[in-house]
Amino acid sequence: MRVFVIDDQAQVRGALRKLLKHRLNMQVVGEAVDTHNLWIEVEAARPDLLLLDWSVLGSRPVEMLTVLRDRYPQLPVIIMSAQPEVRRAALVAGADAFISKADPPEQLLATLKHVCHGPG
């Protein structure tokens, strides 16, 4: 599975890269720190999954996520955030799943497996 990671923290991107590669045998095909060139980068990378930090969506995250879902309706999007209270807004705006950055890595792995392979 090809994953594109968008997070403004290099440490988070690095940890995700290692976790995805070594625990789930996934390939990170692109990384970004913001949404400035997101459409071009996603189009070039052609990922199977997008891991997206809520905070990089700027002052209108719901609108940005809605546009993303309109452009790439088949691309699963998992929103990550250090603020668990944005879970509902992210899911209502079209995210396939939400991961709190406070959750242990096992929760991230379980969520990824669920989104990529379905329940079970």
N, C-alpha and C. Protein backbone atom coordinates (compact mmCIF):
# COMPACT_ATOMS: atom_id res chain seq x y z
N MET A 1 0.84 -1.18 0.00
CA MET A 1 0.00 0.00 0.00
C MET A 1 0.89 1.23 0.00
N ARG A 2 0.49 2.20 -0.81
CA ARG A 2 1.24 3.45 -0.97
C ARG A 2 0.56 4.55 -0.16
N VAL A 3 1.33 5.19 0.72
CA VAL A 3 0.78 6.16 1.67
C VAL A 3 1.44 7.52 1.47
N PHE A 4 0.63 8.57 1.53
CA PHE A 4 1.13 9.94 1.51
C PHE A 4 0.86 10.53 2.89
N VAL A 5 1.89 11.12 3.51
CA VAL A 5 1.79 11.66 4.87
C VAL A 5 1.92 13.18 4.84
N ILE A 6 0.96 13.86 5.47
CA ILE A 6 1.02 15.31 5.58
C ILE A 6 0.97 15.68 7.06
N ASP A 7 2.09 16.18 7.54
CA ASP A 7 2.20 16.62 8.93
C ASP A 7 3.33 17.63 9.00
N ASP A 8 3.14 18.69 9.78
CA ASP A 8 4.15 19.73 9.85
C ASP A 8 5.30 19.41 10.80
N GLN A 9 5.24 18.28 11.48
CA GLN A 9 6.31 17.91 12.41
C GLN A 9 7.15 16.78 11.82
N ALA A 10 8.43 17.05 11.61
CA ALA A 10 9.35 16.07 11.03
C ALA A 10 9.42 14.79 11.86
N GLN A 11 9.38 14.93 13.18
CA GLN A 11 9.43 13.75 14.06
C GLN A 11 8.24 12.84 13.83
N VAL A 12 7.07 13.42 13.67
CA VAL A 12 5.86 12.63 13.44
C VAL A 12 5.95 11.91 12.10
N ARG A 13 6.37 12.64 11.07
CA ARG A 13 6.50 12.02 9.75
C ARG A 13 7.51 10.87 9.78
N GLY A 14 8.63 11.08 10.46
CA GLY A 14 9.64 10.03 10.56
C GLY A 14 9.14 8.80 11.30
N ALA A 15 8.44 9.02 12.39
CA ALA A 15 7.89 7.90 13.17
C ALA A 15 6.84 7.14 12.35
N LEU A 16 6.00 7.87 11.65
CA LEU A 16 5.00 7.22 10.81
C LEU A 16 5.66 6.41 9.70
N ARG A 17 6.67 6.98 9.08
CA ARG A 17 7.38 6.29 8.01
C ARG A 17 7.92 4.95 8.50
N LYS A 18 8.56 4.95 9.66
CA LYS A 18 9.13 3.72 10.22
C LYS A 18 8.03 2.73 10.59
N LEU A 19 7.00 3.20 11.24
CA LEU A 19 5.91 2.34 11.67
C LEU A 19 5.21 1.70 10.47
N LEU A 20 4.92 2.50 9.47
CA LEU A 20 4.23 1.99 8.29
C LEU A 20 5.07 0.95 7.55
N LYS A 21 6.35 1.24 7.41
CA LYS A 21 7.23 0.34 6.67
C LYS A 21 7.47 -0.96 7.43
N HIS A 22 7.84 -0.86 8.69
CA HIS A 22 8.28 -2.03 9.43
C HIS A 22 7.15 -2.85 10.04
N ARG A 23 6.04 -2.23 10.34
CA ARG A 23 4.94 -2.98 10.98
C ARG A 23 3.85 -3.40 9.99
N LEU A 24 3.67 -2.61 8.93
CA LEU A 24 2.58 -2.92 7.99
C LEU A 24 3.06 -3.13 6.55
N ASN A 25 4.36 -3.02 6.34
CA ASN A 25 4.93 -3.20 5.01
C ASN A 25 4.30 -2.24 3.99
N MET A 26 4.04 -1.02 4.43
CA MET A 26 3.49 0.02 3.55
C MET A 26 4.63 0.93 3.10
N GLN A 27 4.43 1.56 1.97
CA GLN A 27 5.44 2.44 1.41
C GLN A 27 4.96 3.89 1.47
N VAL A 28 5.77 4.77 2.07
CA VAL A 28 5.46 6.19 2.07
C VAL A 28 5.96 6.75 0.73
N VAL A 29 5.03 7.17 -0.11
CA VAL A 29 5.38 7.64 -1.45
C VAL A 29 5.46 9.16 -1.55
N GLY A 30 5.15 9.84 -0.45
CA GLY A 30 5.24 11.28 -0.44
C GLY A 30 4.98 11.83 0.94
N GLU A 31 5.57 13.00 1.17
CA GLU A 31 5.40 13.69 2.44
C GLU A 31 5.26 15.17 2.17
N ALA A 32 4.50 15.84 3.01
CA ALA A 32 4.35 17.29 2.90
C ALA A 32 4.20 17.87 4.30
N VAL A 33 4.59 19.13 4.44
CA VAL A 33 4.46 19.81 5.73
C VAL A 33 3.25 20.72 5.76
N ASP A 34 2.66 20.96 4.59
CA ASP A 34 1.47 21.81 4.51
C ASP A 34 0.67 21.43 3.26
N THR A 35 -0.38 22.16 3.00
CA THR A 35 -1.24 21.84 1.86
C THR A 35 -0.97 22.74 0.65
N HIS A 36 0.13 23.48 0.70
CA HIS A 36 0.44 24.45 -0.36
C HIS A 36 0.39 23.81 -1.76
N ASN A 37 1.08 22.71 -1.96
CA ASN A 37 1.09 22.02 -3.26
C ASN A 37 0.44 20.65 -3.16
N LEU A 38 -0.49 20.50 -2.25
CA LEU A 38 -1.07 19.20 -1.98
C LEU A 38 -1.63 18.52 -3.22
N TRP A 39 -2.41 19.24 -4.01
CA TRP A 39 -3.07 18.62 -5.16
C TRP A 39 -2.03 18.09 -6.15
N ILE A 40 -0.99 18.88 -6.40
CA ILE A 40 0.05 18.46 -7.35
C ILE A 40 0.80 17.26 -6.81
N GLU A 41 1.15 17.30 -5.52
CA GLU A 41 1.93 16.22 -4.92
C GLU A 41 1.13 14.91 -4.85
N VAL A 42 -0.13 14.99 -4.49
CA VAL A 42 -0.95 13.78 -4.42
C VAL A 42 -1.15 13.21 -5.82
N GLU A 43 -1.38 14.08 -6.78
CA GLU A 43 -1.56 13.62 -8.16
C GLU A 43 -0.29 12.92 -8.66
N ALA A 44 0.88 13.45 -8.35
CA ALA A 44 2.14 12.86 -8.79
C ALA A 44 2.44 11.54 -8.07
N ALA A 45 2.13 11.48 -6.77
CA ALA A 45 2.48 10.30 -5.96
C ALA A 45 1.49 9.15 -6.16
N ARG A 46 0.26 9.46 -6.48
CA ARG A 46 -0.79 8.46 -6.64
C ARG A 46 -0.87 7.48 -5.47
N PRO A 47 -1.09 8.01 -4.26
CA PRO A 47 -1.15 7.12 -3.09
C PRO A 47 -2.45 6.34 -3.02
N ASP A 48 -2.40 5.27 -2.20
CA ASP A 48 -3.60 4.48 -1.92
C ASP A 48 -4.27 4.94 -0.64
N LEU A 49 -3.58 5.79 0.13
CA LEU A 49 -4.06 6.24 1.43
C LEU A 49 -3.40 7.57 1.77
N LEU A 50 -4.16 8.45 2.41
CA LEU A 50 -3.64 9.75 2.84
C LEU A 50 -3.75 9.84 4.35
N LEU A 51 -2.62 10.08 5.01
CA LEU A 51 -2.58 10.36 6.45
C LEU A 51 -2.38 11.86 6.59
N LEU A 52 -3.35 12.54 7.16
CA LEU A 52 -3.38 13.99 7.13
C LEU A 52 -3.58 14.59 8.51
N ASP A 53 -2.66 15.44 8.92
CA ASP A 53 -2.78 16.14 10.20
C ASP A 53 -3.80 17.27 10.06
N TRP A 54 -4.80 17.26 10.90
CA TRP A 54 -5.89 18.25 10.88
C TRP A 54 -5.37 19.68 10.92
N SER A 55 -4.33 19.93 11.71
CA SER A 55 -3.85 21.30 11.91
C SER A 55 -3.24 21.90 10.64
N VAL A 56 -2.76 21.08 9.70
CA VAL A 56 -2.17 21.66 8.49
C VAL A 56 -3.23 22.12 7.50
N LEU A 57 -4.49 21.83 7.79
CA LEU A 57 -5.57 22.25 6.89
C LEU A 57 -5.91 23.73 7.04
N GLY A 58 -5.26 24.40 7.99
CA GLY A 58 -5.43 25.84 8.13
C GLY A 58 -6.67 26.26 8.88
N SER A 59 -7.12 27.46 8.56
CA SER A 59 -8.23 28.06 9.32
C SER A 59 -9.59 27.51 8.91
N ARG A 60 -9.65 26.80 7.78
CA ARG A 60 -10.92 26.22 7.33
C ARG A 60 -10.75 24.74 7.03
N PRO A 61 -10.46 23.94 8.06
CA PRO A 61 -10.15 22.53 7.81
C PRO A 61 -11.30 21.73 7.21
N VAL A 62 -12.53 22.01 7.62
CA VAL A 62 -13.67 21.26 7.09
C VAL A 62 -13.80 21.53 5.59
N GLU A 63 -13.68 22.78 5.20
CA GLU A 63 -13.77 23.13 3.77
C GLU A 63 -12.64 22.46 2.97
N MET A 64 -11.42 22.49 3.49
CA MET A 64 -10.29 21.86 2.81
C MET A 64 -10.49 20.36 2.65
N LEU A 65 -10.97 19.72 3.69
CA LEU A 65 -11.20 18.27 3.63
C LEU A 65 -12.32 17.95 2.64
N THR A 66 -13.34 18.78 2.60
CA THR A 66 -14.43 18.59 1.65
C THR A 66 -13.92 18.68 0.21
N VAL A 67 -13.08 19.65 -0.07
CA VAL A 67 -12.49 19.79 -1.41
C VAL A 67 -11.64 18.57 -1.74
N LEU A 68 -10.86 18.12 -0.78
CA LEU A 68 -10.02 16.94 -0.97
C LEU A 68 -10.88 15.73 -1.31
N ARG A 69 -11.95 15.53 -0.58
CA ARG A 69 -12.85 14.39 -0.83
C ARG A 69 -13.53 14.51 -2.20
N ASP A 70 -13.85 15.74 -2.62
CA ASP A 70 -14.45 15.94 -3.94
C ASP A 70 -13.46 15.60 -5.05
N ARG A 71 -12.20 15.99 -4.87
CA ARG A 71 -11.18 15.73 -5.90
C ARG A 71 -10.77 14.27 -5.96
N TYR A 72 -10.71 13.63 -4.82
CA TYR A 72 -10.24 12.24 -4.74
C TYR A 72 -11.23 11.40 -3.95
N PRO A 73 -12.40 11.14 -4.49
CA PRO A 73 -13.44 10.44 -3.72
C PRO A 73 -13.07 9.00 -3.35
N GLN A 74 -12.20 8.36 -4.10
CA GLN A 74 -11.83 6.97 -3.82
C GLN A 74 -10.62 6.84 -2.90
N LEU A 75 -9.96 7.96 -2.60
CA LEU A 75 -8.75 7.94 -1.78
C LEU A 75 -9.12 7.96 -0.29
N PRO A 76 -8.81 6.88 0.44
CA PRO A 76 -9.10 6.88 1.88
C PRO A 76 -8.26 7.96 2.58
N VAL A 77 -8.89 8.68 3.48
CA VAL A 77 -8.23 9.75 4.23
C VAL A 77 -8.39 9.46 5.72
N ILE A 78 -7.25 9.40 6.40
CA ILE A 78 -7.25 9.27 7.86
C ILE A 78 -6.73 10.58 8.43
N ILE A 79 -7.54 11.22 9.25
CA ILE A 79 -7.15 12.46 9.89
C ILE A 79 -6.47 12.14 11.22
N MET A 80 -5.36 12.84 11.47
CA MET A 80 -4.65 12.73 12.74
C MET A 80 -4.72 14.09 13.43
N SER A 81 -4.76 14.07 14.75
CA SER A 81 -4.75 15.34 15.48
C SER A 81 -4.35 15.11 16.93
N ALA A 82 -3.70 16.12 17.48
CA ALA A 82 -3.39 16.12 18.91
C ALA A 82 -4.59 16.59 19.71
N GLN A 83 -5.65 16.99 19.02
CA GLN A 83 -6.87 17.47 19.66
C GLN A 83 -8.00 16.48 19.39
N PRO A 84 -8.24 15.55 20.31
CA PRO A 84 -9.28 14.54 20.09
C PRO A 84 -10.67 15.12 19.87
N GLU A 85 -10.90 16.34 20.30
CA GLU A 85 -12.22 16.94 20.16
C GLU A 85 -12.58 17.27 18.70
N VAL A 86 -11.62 17.21 17.78
CA VAL A 86 -11.94 17.48 16.37
C VAL A 86 -12.38 16.21 15.63
N ARG A 87 -12.38 15.08 16.34
CA ARG A 87 -12.77 13.80 15.72
C ARG A 87 -14.10 13.91 14.97
N ARG A 88 -15.12 14.41 15.64
CA ARG A 88 -16.45 14.47 15.03
C ARG A 88 -16.45 15.32 13.78
N ALA A 89 -15.83 16.51 13.84
CA ALA A 89 -15.79 17.41 12.68
C ALA A 89 -15.06 16.75 11.52
N ALA A 90 -13.99 16.05 11.80
CA ALA A 90 -13.22 15.38 10.74
C ALA A 90 -14.05 14.29 10.07
N LEU A 91 -14.74 13.50 10.87
CA LEU A 91 -15.55 12.41 10.32
C LEU A 91 -16.75 12.94 9.55
N VAL A 92 -17.38 13.99 10.06
CA VAL A 92 -18.52 14.59 9.37
C VAL A 92 -18.07 15.20 8.03
N ALA A 93 -16.85 15.75 8.00
CA ALA A 93 -16.33 16.38 6.79
C ALA A 93 -15.87 15.36 5.74
N GLY A 94 -15.87 14.08 6.10
CA GLY A 94 -15.56 13.08 5.10
C GLY A 94 -14.36 12.20 5.35
N ALA A 95 -13.69 12.36 6.48
CA ALA A 95 -12.56 11.48 6.78
C ALA A 95 -13.06 10.05 6.96
N ASP A 96 -12.25 9.10 6.53
CA ASP A 96 -12.61 7.69 6.69
C ASP A 96 -12.36 7.21 8.11
N ALA A 97 -11.43 7.87 8.79
CA ALA A 97 -11.11 7.51 10.18
C ALA A 97 -10.38 8.68 10.82
N PHE A 98 -10.27 8.61 12.14
CA PHE A 98 -9.58 9.63 12.93
C PHE A 98 -8.64 8.94 13.90
N ILE A 99 -7.45 9.49 14.04
CA ILE A 99 -6.47 8.98 15.00
C ILE A 99 -6.01 10.13 15.87
N SER A 100 -6.13 9.95 17.17
CA SER A 100 -5.59 10.93 18.10
C SER A 100 -4.09 10.68 18.23
N LYS A 101 -3.31 11.74 18.17
CA LYS A 101 -1.86 11.59 18.31
C LYS A 101 -1.47 11.14 19.71
N ALA A 102 -2.42 11.21 20.64
CA ALA A 102 -2.15 10.75 22.01
C ALA A 102 -2.34 9.24 22.13
N ASP A 103 -2.97 8.63 21.13
CA ASP A 103 -3.19 7.18 21.16
C ASP A 103 -1.88 6.43 21.00
N PRO A 104 -1.80 5.22 21.55
CA PRO A 104 -0.59 4.41 21.37
C PRO A 104 -0.47 3.94 19.92
N PRO A 105 0.74 3.58 19.47
CA PRO A 105 0.94 3.12 18.10
C PRO A 105 0.03 1.96 17.71
N GLU A 106 -0.33 1.11 18.67
CA GLU A 106 -1.21 -0.01 18.36
C GLU A 106 -2.57 0.44 17.86
N GLN A 107 -3.05 1.57 18.37
CA GLN A 107 -4.33 2.11 17.91
C GLN A 107 -4.21 2.60 16.47
N LEU A 108 -3.10 3.26 16.15
CA LEU A 108 -2.85 3.69 14.79
C LEU A 108 -2.82 2.48 13.85
N LEU A 109 -2.11 1.44 14.25
CA LEU A 109 -2.02 0.23 13.42
C LEU A 109 -3.39 -0.40 13.22
N ALA A 110 -4.18 -0.48 14.28
CA ALA A 110 -5.52 -1.07 14.17
C ALA A 110 -6.40 -0.24 13.24
N THR A 111 -6.32 1.07 13.33
CA THR A 111 -7.11 1.95 12.47
C THR A 111 -6.69 1.81 11.01
N LEU A 112 -5.38 1.75 10.78
CA LEU A 112 -4.88 1.58 9.42
C LEU A 112 -5.35 0.26 8.82
N LYS A 113 -5.26 -0.80 9.59
CA LYS A 113 -5.69 -2.11 9.11
C LYS A 113 -7.18 -2.10 8.80
N HIS A 114 -7.96 -1.46 9.67
CA HIS A 114 -9.41 -1.39 9.47
C HIS A 114 -9.76 -0.62 8.18
N VAL A 115 -9.12 0.52 7.98
CA VAL A 115 -9.41 1.34 6.79
C VAL A 115 -8.94 0.64 5.52
N CYS A 116 -7.79 -0.01 5.60
CA CYS A 116 -7.21 -0.63 4.40
C CYS A 116 -7.81 -1.98 4.05
N HIS A 117 -8.18 -2.74 5.06
CA HIS A 117 -8.62 -4.11 4.82
C HIS A 117 -10.03 -4.40 5.31
N GLY A 118 -10.66 -3.42 5.93
CA GLY A 118 -12.01 -3.63 6.44
C GLY A 118 -11.97 -4.29 7.81
N PRO A 119 -13.11 -4.37 8.47
CA PRO A 119 -13.17 -4.97 9.81
C PRO A 119 -12.84 -6.45 9.75
N GLY A 120 -12.26 -6.92 10.87
CA GLY A 120 -11.99 -8.35 10.96
C GLY A 120 -10.60 -8.69 10.99
